[in-house]
Structures are given as structure tokens and as C-alpha cells.
């Protein structure tokens, strides 16, 4: 069956907002990493910067049935994430394995 609403579920403005949010998250991670490297070269690092850096993870995962994604064991252990915890995810499509 074909329906007139076969288009995207999300409006283009919202998709753009999600993409911008993801880009901002990546930029923040890059800034923290640069600050960390700069601090190592200059002899010290602010503990707040180190704390913020230790509370993030970047990884790739496959979308499962029902739109589910999994956080890898290593990231869950490192960030002390347990079942029932609430986390924030920024999703950026990397590769699509489908024929259109």
C-alpha cells in the first residue's frame, strides 16, 4: 500500500537542527581535545576540562529492529552507564546499507 505520507517523518527544519546539534557536539569534543593537548604542552590541565572530556564517548553502532541502538560495553563501563540510566545521544548517519 502506498500512502500520500511516504515522505520523511521529521520536518526538514528539525533534521537541520539535529545535524547542527551533532556538529556542535563534535566541535566541543575537538575543542576539549585541543585544550587537553595544549595543556599537556604548557604543563597543566584544568580538572574541569578533564572531567568534561571523561564524560563523553563517540562510537559507531548499527540500528537494530524498532530503531534500537546499543552502547558498547567498553563505553558503558567507562561512563558508568547502567540499565535505566538516562543518557543523551546525538545521532549522525554514517553509512546506509540499503538499495533505493
N, C-alpha and C. Protein backbone atom coordinates (compact mmCIF):
# COMPACT_ATOMS: atom_id res chain seq x y z
N UNK A 1 0.83 -1.19 0.00
CA UNK A 1 0.00 0.00 0.00
C UNK A 1 0.86 1.24 0.00
N UNK A 2 0.43 2.18 -0.77
CA UNK A 2 1.16 3.44 -0.81
C UNK A 2 0.29 4.53 -0.18
N UNK A 3 0.90 5.36 0.55
CA UNK A 3 0.19 6.43 1.24
C UNK A 3 0.76 7.76 0.81
N UNK A 4 -0.02 8.80 0.84
CA UNK A 4 0.47 10.12 0.46
C UNK A 4 1.54 10.63 1.42
N UNK A 5 1.63 10.05 2.60
CA UNK A 5 2.59 10.50 3.61
C UNK A 5 3.83 9.61 3.64
N UNK A 6 4.32 9.20 2.46
CA UNK A 6 5.51 8.36 2.39
C UNK A 6 6.79 9.15 2.58
N UNK A 7 6.70 10.45 2.75
CA UNK A 7 7.87 11.31 2.92
C UNK A 7 8.47 11.17 4.30
N UNK A 8 9.47 12.02 4.59
CA UNK A 8 10.13 11.96 5.88
C UNK A 8 9.16 12.24 7.03
N UNK A 9 9.41 11.58 8.16
CA UNK A 9 8.59 11.77 9.34
C UNK A 9 8.86 13.13 9.96
N UNK A 10 10.14 13.55 9.97
CA UNK A 10 10.55 14.80 10.59
C UNK A 10 10.59 15.92 9.56
N UNK A 11 10.16 17.12 9.95
CA UNK A 11 10.27 18.25 9.03
C UNK A 11 11.73 18.60 8.77
N UNK A 12 12.05 19.12 7.58
CA UNK A 12 13.44 19.45 7.25
C UNK A 12 14.10 20.37 8.27
N UNK A 13 13.34 21.29 8.87
CA UNK A 13 13.93 22.22 9.85
C UNK A 13 14.44 21.45 11.06
N UNK A 14 13.69 20.42 11.48
CA UNK A 14 14.09 19.65 12.64
C UNK A 14 15.32 18.80 12.32
N UNK A 15 15.36 18.23 11.11
CA UNK A 15 16.53 17.45 10.71
C UNK A 15 17.77 18.34 10.68
N UNK A 16 17.61 19.57 10.20
CA UNK A 16 18.72 20.52 10.17
C UNK A 16 19.18 20.83 11.59
N UNK A 17 18.23 21.00 12.52
CA UNK A 17 18.57 21.28 13.91
C UNK A 17 19.34 20.10 14.52
N UNK A 18 18.91 18.86 14.23
CA UNK A 18 19.61 17.69 14.74
C UNK A 18 21.04 17.63 14.20
N UNK A 19 21.19 17.91 12.91
CA UNK A 19 22.52 17.89 12.30
C UNK A 19 23.42 18.95 12.93
N UNK A 20 22.87 20.15 13.14
CA UNK A 20 23.66 21.22 13.75
C UNK A 20 24.06 20.86 15.18
N UNK A 21 23.15 20.24 15.93
CA UNK A 21 23.45 19.82 17.29
C UNK A 21 24.58 18.81 17.29
N UNK A 22 24.54 17.88 16.36
CA UNK A 22 25.61 16.89 16.25
C UNK A 22 26.94 17.53 15.91
N UNK A 23 26.89 18.49 14.99
CA UNK A 23 28.12 19.19 14.61
C UNK A 23 28.69 19.96 15.80
N UNK A 24 27.81 20.58 16.58
CA UNK A 24 28.26 21.32 17.76
C UNK A 24 28.90 20.38 18.78
N UNK A 25 28.32 19.20 18.95
CA UNK A 25 28.89 18.23 19.89
C UNK A 25 30.28 17.81 19.45
N UNK A 26 30.44 17.56 18.17
CA UNK A 26 31.76 17.17 17.65
C UNK A 26 32.76 18.32 17.83
N UNK A 27 32.32 19.55 17.55
CA UNK A 27 33.20 20.71 17.72
C UNK A 27 33.65 20.85 19.17
N UNK A 28 32.72 20.65 20.12
CA UNK A 28 33.06 20.74 21.55
C UNK A 28 34.09 19.67 21.92
N UNK A 29 33.90 18.46 21.42
CA UNK A 29 34.85 17.39 21.70
C UNK A 29 36.23 17.74 21.13
N UNK A 30 36.25 18.31 19.91
CA UNK A 30 37.52 18.70 19.31
C UNK A 30 38.18 19.82 20.11
N UNK A 31 37.38 20.79 20.57
CA UNK A 31 37.92 21.88 21.39
C UNK A 31 38.54 21.33 22.68
N UNK A 32 37.81 20.43 23.34
CA UNK A 32 38.33 19.84 24.58
C UNK A 32 39.63 19.09 24.33
N UNK A 33 39.67 18.36 23.22
CA UNK A 33 40.87 17.60 22.88
C UNK A 33 42.05 18.53 22.62
N UNK A 34 41.80 19.62 21.87
CA UNK A 34 42.86 20.60 21.62
C UNK A 34 43.33 21.24 22.91
N UNK A 35 42.39 21.57 23.80
CA UNK A 35 42.76 22.16 25.09
C UNK A 35 43.59 21.17 25.90
N UNK A 36 43.21 19.90 25.83
CA UNK A 36 43.94 18.88 26.57
C UNK A 36 45.37 18.78 26.04
N UNK A 37 45.51 18.78 24.72
CA UNK A 37 46.86 18.71 24.14
C UNK A 37 47.66 19.95 24.49
N UNK A 38 47.03 21.13 24.40
CA UNK A 38 47.70 22.39 24.73
C UNK A 38 48.12 22.42 26.19
N UNK A 39 47.28 21.91 27.06
CA UNK A 39 47.60 21.90 28.49
C UNK A 39 48.77 20.98 28.75
N UNK A 40 48.81 19.86 28.03
CA UNK A 40 49.94 18.93 28.22
C UNK A 40 51.25 19.59 27.79
N UNK A 41 51.19 20.38 26.72
CA UNK A 41 52.39 21.05 26.24
C UNK A 41 52.80 22.19 27.16
N UNK A 42 51.82 22.87 27.78
CA UNK A 42 52.14 24.01 28.63
C UNK A 42 52.33 23.60 30.09
N UNK A 43 52.14 22.33 30.41
CA UNK A 43 52.46 21.85 31.74
C UNK A 43 51.31 21.64 32.69
N UNK A 44 50.07 21.79 32.28
CA UNK A 44 48.98 21.56 33.22
C UNK A 44 47.64 21.50 32.54
N UNK A 45 46.67 20.93 33.26
CA UNK A 45 45.32 20.83 32.71
C UNK A 45 44.32 21.13 33.81
N UNK A 46 43.32 21.90 33.47
CA UNK A 46 42.23 22.21 34.39
C UNK A 46 41.42 20.94 34.62
N UNK A 47 41.16 20.61 35.87
CA UNK A 47 40.43 19.38 36.19
C UNK A 47 39.00 19.41 35.66
N UNK A 48 38.40 20.59 35.49
CA UNK A 48 37.07 20.68 34.91
C UNK A 48 37.08 20.22 33.46
N UNK A 49 38.14 20.57 32.73
CA UNK A 49 38.26 20.14 31.34
C UNK A 49 38.42 18.62 31.27
N UNK A 50 39.23 18.08 32.15
CA UNK A 50 39.44 16.63 32.17
C UNK A 50 38.13 15.92 32.52
N UNK A 51 37.38 16.47 33.47
CA UNK A 51 36.11 15.87 33.86
C UNK A 51 35.11 15.86 32.72
N UNK A 52 35.02 16.97 32.00
CA UNK A 52 34.09 17.05 30.87
C UNK A 52 34.48 16.07 29.78
N UNK A 53 35.77 15.94 29.52
CA UNK A 53 36.24 15.03 28.47
C UNK A 53 35.96 13.58 28.84
N UNK A 54 36.03 13.25 30.13
CA UNK A 54 35.83 11.86 30.55
C UNK A 54 34.35 11.47 30.57
N UNK A 55 33.46 12.41 30.34
CA UNK A 55 32.03 12.13 30.36
C UNK A 55 31.42 12.03 28.97
N UNK A 56 32.26 11.86 27.95
CA UNK A 56 31.76 11.74 26.58
C UNK A 56 32.30 10.48 25.93
N UNK A 57 31.57 9.98 24.96
CA UNK A 57 32.02 8.82 24.18
C UNK A 57 31.53 9.01 22.75
N UNK A 58 32.36 8.64 21.81
CA UNK A 58 31.99 8.67 20.40
C UNK A 58 32.22 7.28 19.85
N UNK A 59 31.18 6.70 19.25
CA UNK A 59 31.30 5.35 18.72
C UNK A 59 30.29 5.17 17.60
N UNK A 60 30.47 4.15 16.80
CA UNK A 60 29.52 3.81 15.74
C UNK A 60 28.78 2.55 16.17
N UNK A 61 27.51 2.49 15.84
CA UNK A 61 26.71 1.32 16.15
C UNK A 61 25.67 1.12 15.06
N UNK A 62 25.14 -0.06 14.96
CA UNK A 62 24.15 -0.37 13.93
C UNK A 62 22.75 -0.23 14.52
N UNK A 63 21.81 0.32 13.74
CA UNK A 63 20.42 0.44 14.16
C UNK A 63 19.78 -0.94 14.07
N UNK A 64 19.15 -1.34 15.15
CA UNK A 64 18.51 -2.65 15.22
C UNK A 64 17.01 -2.50 15.02
N UNK A 65 16.28 -3.61 15.11
CA UNK A 65 14.83 -3.56 14.89
C UNK A 65 14.18 -2.59 15.87
N UNK A 66 13.17 -1.93 15.41
CA UNK A 66 12.47 -0.96 16.24
C UNK A 66 13.24 0.32 16.48
N UNK A 67 14.33 0.54 15.71
CA UNK A 67 15.12 1.75 15.87
C UNK A 67 16.07 1.72 17.05
N UNK A 68 16.28 0.56 17.65
CA UNK A 68 17.14 0.46 18.83
C UNK A 68 18.61 0.54 18.45
N UNK A 69 19.39 1.19 19.32
CA UNK A 69 20.84 1.19 19.18
C UNK A 69 21.44 0.70 20.51
N UNK A 70 22.64 0.19 20.45
CA UNK A 70 23.31 -0.31 21.65
C UNK A 70 24.55 0.52 21.94
N UNK A 71 24.79 0.77 23.21
CA UNK A 71 26.03 1.41 23.64
C UNK A 71 27.01 0.28 23.93
N UNK A 72 28.17 0.27 23.29
CA UNK A 72 29.14 -0.82 23.51
C UNK A 72 29.54 -0.96 24.98
N UNK A 73 29.87 -2.19 25.38
CA UNK A 73 30.25 -2.49 26.76
C UNK A 73 31.33 -1.55 27.29
N UNK A 74 32.37 -1.32 26.49
CA UNK A 74 33.50 -0.50 26.95
C UNK A 74 33.05 0.91 27.31
N UNK A 75 32.17 1.48 26.50
CA UNK A 75 31.68 2.83 26.78
C UNK A 75 30.78 2.85 28.00
N UNK A 76 29.93 1.82 28.14
CA UNK A 76 29.06 1.75 29.33
C UNK A 76 29.88 1.63 30.60
N UNK A 77 30.91 0.82 30.56
CA UNK A 77 31.77 0.66 31.73
C UNK A 77 32.53 1.95 32.03
N UNK A 78 33.11 2.55 31.01
CA UNK A 78 33.91 3.76 31.19
C UNK A 78 33.08 4.90 31.75
N UNK A 79 31.85 5.06 31.25
CA UNK A 79 30.99 6.16 31.69
C UNK A 79 30.07 5.76 32.84
N UNK A 80 30.20 4.53 33.33
CA UNK A 80 29.38 4.03 34.43
C UNK A 80 27.89 4.15 34.12
N UNK A 81 27.51 3.70 32.93
CA UNK A 81 26.11 3.72 32.49
C UNK A 81 25.50 2.36 32.80
N UNK A 82 24.36 2.40 33.50
CA UNK A 82 23.67 1.16 33.84
C UNK A 82 22.25 1.18 33.27
N UNK A 83 21.61 0.02 33.25
CA UNK A 83 20.24 -0.09 32.76
C UNK A 83 19.34 0.86 33.55
N UNK A 84 18.52 1.61 32.83
CA UNK A 84 17.61 2.56 33.46
C UNK A 84 18.15 3.97 33.52
N UNK A 85 19.48 4.14 33.31
CA UNK A 85 20.06 5.50 33.29
C UNK A 85 19.54 6.26 32.08
N UNK A 86 19.43 7.56 32.22
CA UNK A 86 19.04 8.41 31.11
C UNK A 86 20.31 9.02 30.52
N UNK A 87 20.48 8.90 29.21
CA UNK A 87 21.65 9.45 28.53
C UNK A 87 21.17 10.32 27.37
N UNK A 88 22.05 11.16 26.88
CA UNK A 88 21.74 11.97 25.71
C UNK A 88 22.52 11.43 24.54
N UNK A 89 21.85 11.26 23.42
CA UNK A 89 22.50 10.73 22.22
C UNK A 89 22.36 11.72 21.08
N UNK A 90 23.42 11.90 20.33
CA UNK A 90 23.39 12.69 19.10
C UNK A 90 23.65 11.70 17.98
N UNK A 91 22.74 11.59 17.04
CA UNK A 91 22.83 10.57 16.00
C UNK A 91 23.11 11.22 14.66
N UNK A 92 24.19 10.79 14.01
CA UNK A 92 24.55 11.24 12.68
C UNK A 92 24.67 10.02 11.78
N UNK A 93 23.87 9.90 10.73
CA UNK A 93 24.01 8.75 9.84
C UNK A 93 25.41 8.72 9.22
N UNK A 94 26.01 7.53 9.21
CA UNK A 94 27.35 7.37 8.65
C UNK A 94 27.28 6.66 7.31
N UNK A 95 26.58 5.54 7.28
CA UNK A 95 26.51 4.74 6.06
C UNK A 95 25.18 4.02 6.03
N UNK A 96 24.58 3.98 4.88
CA UNK A 96 23.31 3.26 4.73
C UNK A 96 23.56 2.00 3.91
N UNK A 97 23.13 0.87 4.43
CA UNK A 97 23.29 -0.41 3.74
C UNK A 97 21.96 -0.84 3.14
N UNK A 98 21.47 -0.04 2.23
CA UNK A 98 20.21 -0.39 1.58
C UNK A 98 20.21 0.12 0.15
N UNK A 99 19.39 -0.52 -0.63
CA UNK A 99 19.27 -0.10 -2.03
C UNK A 99 17.98 0.71 -2.16
N UNK A 100 18.07 1.78 -2.88
CA UNK A 100 16.90 2.65 -3.03
C UNK A 100 16.46 2.70 -4.47
